[in-house]
Amino acid sequence: MLGCCSHIRAQLRLPPRGTRITTRPCRLRIGRLVSYSGADRTSLALASDAGTTRALGFYYALQRFLELRGRWQVQIEWANALLALGEALGPKDRMQLLIHLGNTYLYVGDLQRALNCYAEAEPLAQQEGDLVRAALILNNRGQVLDALGEKQRALGQYRLAFELQSQLGDVAGQAKSLGNLGLATMRWEIRSKH
């Protein structure tokens, strides 16, 4: 939750840990924090001073809030600031952040940056032996390539993701990859007829 360190609690003007608060005042305080232009960077600095684990926890707690309010640019700034911590982030945390950042870029339509994030995250997933996230990256990259109009490369990414998920026995992942493959093929057939 947001109150993972006293510096952040002070920045948000939250009561001490253990005090019961309702969700409505908490949301208002978070909203106030996000609405101030310099508060985001200040809070991130406080969170990163408290340690990368707490900074990441704070980011992931705030990320959903930012998504729900369409604050994509703020989310991108936070993710980039955390990535700037460099070596302090472990490869798994860096990979996860890059995937989230790539997804955000994909959502806002900055497809080249999304591709760059996925390209940087893929070797980290392989290094960590995280085949589930490697398949996720392949699926996401397929979506970007499909949006860029690169049919064959997109279909290839979906097929690779499906093969990887087959090896893992990930039935839900296989269904997602097959669904993406089918949708991409259908879109291309519709485009070719018009």
Foldseek 3Di string as FASTA:
>chain_A
DQPPDPVSCVLLVHDDPPDDDDVVVVLVSLVVQVPDPCSLVVSLVVQVVVALVSSLVNLVVCVVVCVVVVVLVSNLVSLVVSVVVPPSDDLVSLLVSLQVNLVSCVVVVVLVSSLVSLVVNLVSCVVVVPLLVNLVSLQSNLVSCLVVVNLVSSLVSLVVSLVSCVVVVPPVSNVSSVVSNVVSVVVVVVVVVD
